[in-house]
Amino acid sequence: MTDPQPNNPLHGLTLERMLTELVDRLGWPGLGMRISIRCFNHEPSIASSLKFLRRTPWARAQVEALYLDTVPSSKRSAQRDCRHLPEGQG
């Protein structure tokens, strides 16, 4: 079991969820303008981006930082909390 991390605003959020939220808010062109990496600018997809981000720590750090700057903290808290609700209630 993992220890609670009250000072980590990303604790409990997956990279896929962060990326999906950024794409929903900014779109692929907006994401590619803010973080200039090929997987965001040329034939972007969630799957190819996740593969790249999981192997590239500097790029993942940029996505995490952009997520923290872009998504309000109240929304992040709600996303973390709804993973504990039964199916269809979050």
N, C-alpha and C. Protein backbone atom coordinates (compact mmCIF):
# COMPACT_ATOMS: atom_id res chain seq x y z
N MET A 1 0.84 -1.18 0.00
CA MET A 1 0.00 0.00 0.00
C MET A 1 0.89 1.24 0.00
N THR A 2 0.47 2.26 -0.71
CA THR A 2 1.26 3.48 -0.78
C THR A 2 0.88 4.42 0.37
N ASP A 3 1.84 5.21 0.79
CA ASP A 3 1.61 6.18 1.85
C ASP A 3 0.92 7.40 1.27
N PRO A 4 0.04 8.04 2.04
CA PRO A 4 -0.57 9.29 1.57
C PRO A 4 0.50 10.35 1.33
N GLN A 5 0.27 11.17 0.33
CA GLN A 5 1.21 12.24 -0.01
C GLN A 5 0.44 13.56 -0.05
N PRO A 6 0.13 14.11 1.12
CA PRO A 6 -0.71 15.32 1.13
C PRO A 6 -0.07 16.53 0.46
N ASN A 7 1.25 16.57 0.34
CA ASN A 7 1.93 17.71 -0.27
C ASN A 7 2.20 17.51 -1.76
N ASN A 8 1.77 16.40 -2.32
CA ASN A 8 1.98 16.12 -3.73
C ASN A 8 0.66 16.34 -4.46
N PRO A 9 0.51 17.44 -5.20
CA PRO A 9 -0.76 17.72 -5.87
C PRO A 9 -1.10 16.74 -6.98
N LEU A 10 -0.14 15.95 -7.43
CA LEU A 10 -0.39 15.00 -8.51
C LEU A 10 -0.64 13.58 -7.99
N HIS A 11 -0.56 13.39 -6.69
CA HIS A 11 -0.75 12.06 -6.12
C HIS A 11 -2.14 11.53 -6.48
N GLY A 12 -2.17 10.33 -7.01
CA GLY A 12 -3.43 9.70 -7.37
C GLY A 12 -3.89 9.97 -8.78
N LEU A 13 -3.21 10.85 -9.51
CA LEU A 13 -3.58 11.14 -10.89
C LEU A 13 -2.65 10.39 -11.83
N THR A 14 -3.22 9.76 -12.83
CA THR A 14 -2.39 9.06 -13.81
C THR A 14 -1.92 10.02 -14.89
N LEU A 15 -0.85 9.66 -15.54
CA LEU A 15 -0.35 10.45 -16.66
C LEU A 15 -1.40 10.52 -17.77
N GLU A 16 -2.09 9.43 -18.00
CA GLU A 16 -3.13 9.41 -19.03
C GLU A 16 -4.24 10.40 -18.71
N ARG A 17 -4.65 10.46 -17.46
CA ARG A 17 -5.71 11.40 -17.07
C ARG A 17 -5.25 12.85 -17.23
N MET A 18 -4.00 13.13 -16.84
CA MET A 18 -3.47 14.48 -17.00
C MET A 18 -3.42 14.87 -18.47
N LEU A 19 -2.92 13.97 -19.30
CA LEU A 19 -2.79 14.25 -20.73
C LEU A 19 -4.16 14.44 -21.37
N THR A 20 -5.10 13.59 -21.03
CA THR A 20 -6.45 13.70 -21.58
C THR A 20 -7.09 15.03 -21.20
N GLU A 21 -6.92 15.43 -19.95
CA GLU A 21 -7.47 16.71 -19.49
C GLU A 21 -6.83 17.88 -20.23
N LEU A 22 -5.52 17.82 -20.44
CA LEU A 22 -4.84 18.90 -21.18
C LEU A 22 -5.31 18.96 -22.62
N VAL A 23 -5.48 17.82 -23.26
CA VAL A 23 -5.95 17.80 -24.65
C VAL A 23 -7.38 18.34 -24.72
N ASP A 24 -8.22 17.98 -23.74
CA ASP A 24 -9.59 18.50 -23.71
C ASP A 24 -9.61 20.01 -23.57
N ARG A 25 -8.71 20.55 -22.75
CA ARG A 25 -8.69 21.99 -22.48
C ARG A 25 -7.99 22.78 -23.59
N LEU A 26 -6.85 22.26 -24.08
CA LEU A 26 -6.00 23.02 -24.99
C LEU A 26 -6.06 22.55 -26.43
N GLY A 27 -6.45 21.31 -26.64
CA GLY A 27 -6.38 20.70 -27.96
C GLY A 27 -4.93 20.32 -28.28
N TRP A 28 -4.74 19.48 -29.26
CA TRP A 28 -3.38 19.07 -29.63
C TRP A 28 -2.55 20.26 -30.11
N PRO A 29 -3.12 21.18 -30.93
CA PRO A 29 -2.31 22.32 -31.37
C PRO A 29 -1.84 23.19 -30.20
N GLY A 30 -2.74 23.45 -29.26
CA GLY A 30 -2.36 24.27 -28.10
C GLY A 30 -1.33 23.58 -27.22
N LEU A 31 -1.47 22.28 -27.06
CA LEU A 31 -0.50 21.52 -26.27
C LEU A 31 0.85 21.51 -26.97
N GLY A 32 0.84 21.34 -28.29
CA GLY A 32 2.08 21.36 -29.06
C GLY A 32 2.78 22.71 -29.06
N MET A 33 2.00 23.79 -28.97
CA MET A 33 2.62 25.12 -28.89
C MET A 33 3.29 25.34 -27.54
N ARG A 34 2.68 24.81 -26.49
CA ARG A 34 3.22 25.01 -25.15
C ARG A 34 4.39 24.09 -24.83
N ILE A 35 4.32 22.85 -25.35
CA ILE A 35 5.40 21.89 -25.16
C ILE A 35 5.73 21.33 -26.55
N SER A 36 6.81 21.79 -27.10
CA SER A 36 7.14 21.45 -28.48
C SER A 36 7.86 20.10 -28.55
N ILE A 37 7.04 19.05 -28.63
CA ILE A 37 7.59 17.71 -28.86
C ILE A 37 6.81 17.07 -30.00
N ARG A 38 7.47 16.24 -30.73
CA ARG A 38 6.92 15.67 -31.95
C ARG A 38 5.59 14.94 -31.73
N CYS A 39 5.48 14.21 -30.63
CA CYS A 39 4.26 13.42 -30.42
C CYS A 39 3.03 14.29 -30.20
N PHE A 40 3.20 15.59 -29.94
CA PHE A 40 2.07 16.50 -29.82
C PHE A 40 1.79 17.23 -31.12
N ASN A 41 2.77 17.31 -32.01
CA ASN A 41 2.64 18.13 -33.22
C ASN A 41 2.47 17.35 -34.51
N HIS A 42 2.86 16.10 -34.55
CA HIS A 42 2.78 15.30 -35.78
C HIS A 42 2.02 14.01 -35.50
N GLU A 43 0.81 13.92 -36.06
CA GLU A 43 -0.07 12.77 -35.87
C GLU A 43 -0.21 12.40 -34.39
N PRO A 44 -0.70 13.35 -33.58
CA PRO A 44 -0.79 13.11 -32.14
C PRO A 44 -1.85 12.09 -31.77
N SER A 45 -1.56 11.33 -30.74
CA SER A 45 -2.54 10.43 -30.14
C SER A 45 -2.17 10.25 -28.68
N ILE A 46 -3.13 9.88 -27.89
CA ILE A 46 -2.89 9.64 -26.47
C ILE A 46 -1.88 8.50 -26.31
N ALA A 47 -2.07 7.42 -27.06
CA ALA A 47 -1.20 6.24 -26.91
C ALA A 47 0.26 6.56 -27.24
N SER A 48 0.51 7.23 -28.36
CA SER A 48 1.89 7.52 -28.72
C SER A 48 2.52 8.52 -27.75
N SER A 49 1.72 9.47 -27.30
CA SER A 49 2.23 10.46 -26.35
C SER A 49 2.58 9.81 -25.02
N LEU A 50 1.71 8.93 -24.53
CA LEU A 50 1.99 8.25 -23.27
C LEU A 50 3.27 7.42 -23.36
N LYS A 51 3.44 6.74 -24.47
CA LYS A 51 4.64 5.92 -24.65
C LYS A 51 5.89 6.79 -24.57
N PHE A 52 5.87 7.93 -25.25
CA PHE A 52 7.02 8.83 -25.23
C PHE A 52 7.23 9.43 -23.84
N LEU A 53 6.16 9.91 -23.23
CA LEU A 53 6.28 10.58 -21.92
C LEU A 53 6.76 9.63 -20.83
N ARG A 54 6.38 8.38 -20.91
CA ARG A 54 6.82 7.41 -19.90
C ARG A 54 8.31 7.09 -20.01
N ARG A 55 8.88 7.29 -21.19
CA ARG A 55 10.30 7.02 -21.39
C ARG A 55 11.17 8.26 -21.29
N THR A 56 10.55 9.44 -21.19
CA THR A 56 11.29 10.69 -21.28
C THR A 56 10.96 11.58 -20.08
N PRO A 57 11.76 11.49 -19.02
CA PRO A 57 11.45 12.22 -17.78
C PRO A 57 11.31 13.73 -17.95
N TRP A 58 12.13 14.37 -18.78
CA TRP A 58 12.04 15.82 -18.92
C TRP A 58 10.72 16.22 -19.56
N ALA A 59 10.23 15.43 -20.52
CA ALA A 59 8.97 15.75 -21.18
C ALA A 59 7.80 15.52 -20.22
N ARG A 60 7.86 14.45 -19.45
CA ARG A 60 6.81 14.18 -18.47
C ARG A 60 6.75 15.32 -17.44
N ALA A 61 7.91 15.79 -17.01
CA ALA A 61 7.95 16.88 -16.03
C ALA A 61 7.29 18.14 -16.61
N GLN A 62 7.49 18.40 -17.89
CA GLN A 62 6.86 19.57 -18.52
C GLN A 62 5.35 19.41 -18.59
N VAL A 63 4.88 18.20 -18.89
CA VAL A 63 3.43 17.95 -18.94
C VAL A 63 2.83 18.11 -17.55
N GLU A 64 3.49 17.57 -16.53
CA GLU A 64 3.00 17.70 -15.16
C GLU A 64 2.94 19.16 -14.73
N ALA A 65 3.97 19.93 -15.07
CA ALA A 65 3.99 21.35 -14.71
C ALA A 65 2.88 22.11 -15.44
N LEU A 66 2.69 21.83 -16.71
CA LEU A 66 1.62 22.48 -17.47
C LEU A 66 0.26 22.10 -16.89
N TYR A 67 0.09 20.86 -16.52
CA TYR A 67 -1.16 20.41 -15.91
C TYR A 67 -1.44 21.20 -14.63
N LEU A 68 -0.44 21.34 -13.78
CA LEU A 68 -0.62 22.09 -12.54
C LEU A 68 -0.96 23.56 -12.79
N ASP A 69 -0.39 24.13 -13.85
CA ASP A 69 -0.66 25.52 -14.20
C ASP A 69 -2.02 25.72 -14.87
N THR A 70 -2.51 24.68 -15.54
CA THR A 70 -3.69 24.79 -16.38
C THR A 70 -4.98 24.37 -15.68
N VAL A 71 -4.94 23.28 -14.94
CA VAL A 71 -6.15 22.74 -14.32
C VAL A 71 -6.28 23.29 -12.91
N PRO A 72 -7.41 23.91 -12.59
CA PRO A 72 -7.60 24.46 -11.24
C PRO A 72 -7.49 23.38 -10.17
N SER A 73 -6.98 23.75 -9.01
CA SER A 73 -6.76 22.76 -7.95
C SER A 73 -8.06 22.12 -7.49
N SER A 74 -9.18 22.85 -7.54
CA SER A 74 -10.45 22.26 -7.13
C SER A 74 -10.86 21.13 -8.07
N LYS A 75 -10.57 21.26 -9.35
CA LYS A 75 -10.88 20.22 -10.32
C LYS A 75 -9.99 19.00 -10.09
N ARG A 76 -8.71 19.24 -9.79
CA ARG A 76 -7.78 18.13 -9.52
C ARG A 76 -8.26 17.34 -8.31
N SER A 77 -8.70 18.02 -7.26
CA SER A 77 -9.18 17.34 -6.06
C SER A 77 -10.41 16.51 -6.36
N ALA A 78 -11.31 17.04 -7.15
CA ALA A 78 -12.52 16.31 -7.50
C ALA A 78 -12.18 15.06 -8.31
N GLN A 79 -11.22 15.16 -9.22
CA GLN A 79 -10.83 14.01 -10.02
C GLN A 79 -10.23 12.91 -9.15
N ARG A 80 -9.40 13.30 -8.18
CA ARG A 80 -8.81 12.32 -7.28
C ARG A 80 -9.88 11.65 -6.44
N ASP A 81 -10.83 12.42 -5.95
CA ASP A 81 -11.84 11.90 -5.05
C ASP A 81 -12.82 10.97 -5.76
N CYS A 82 -13.12 11.23 -7.02
CA CYS A 82 -14.14 10.43 -7.70
C CYS A 82 -13.63 9.03 -8.03
N ARG A 83 -12.36 8.76 -7.94
CA ARG A 83 -11.88 7.40 -8.22
C ARG A 83 -12.25 6.44 -7.11
N HIS A 84 -12.71 6.96 -5.97
CA HIS A 84 -13.11 6.12 -4.85
C HIS A 84 -14.62 5.85 -4.85
N LEU A 85 -15.36 6.46 -5.77
CA LEU A 85 -16.81 6.27 -5.84
C LEU A 85 -17.15 5.04 -6.65
N PRO A 86 -18.30 4.43 -6.39
CA PRO A 86 -18.75 3.31 -7.22
C PRO A 86 -18.95 3.73 -8.66
N GLU A 87 -18.89 2.79 -9.57
CA GLU A 87 -19.03 3.01 -11.00
C GLU A 87 -20.26 3.86 -11.31
N GLY A 88 -20.08 4.89 -12.14
CA GLY A 88 -21.18 5.72 -12.58
C GLY A 88 -21.51 6.87 -11.66
N GLN A 89 -20.82 7.01 -10.53
CA GLN A 89 -21.12 8.09 -9.61
C GLN A 89 -20.04 9.16 -9.61
N GLY A 90 -19.05 9.08 -10.50
CA GLY A 90 -17.98 10.05 -10.49
C GLY A 90 -17.87 10.75 -11.71
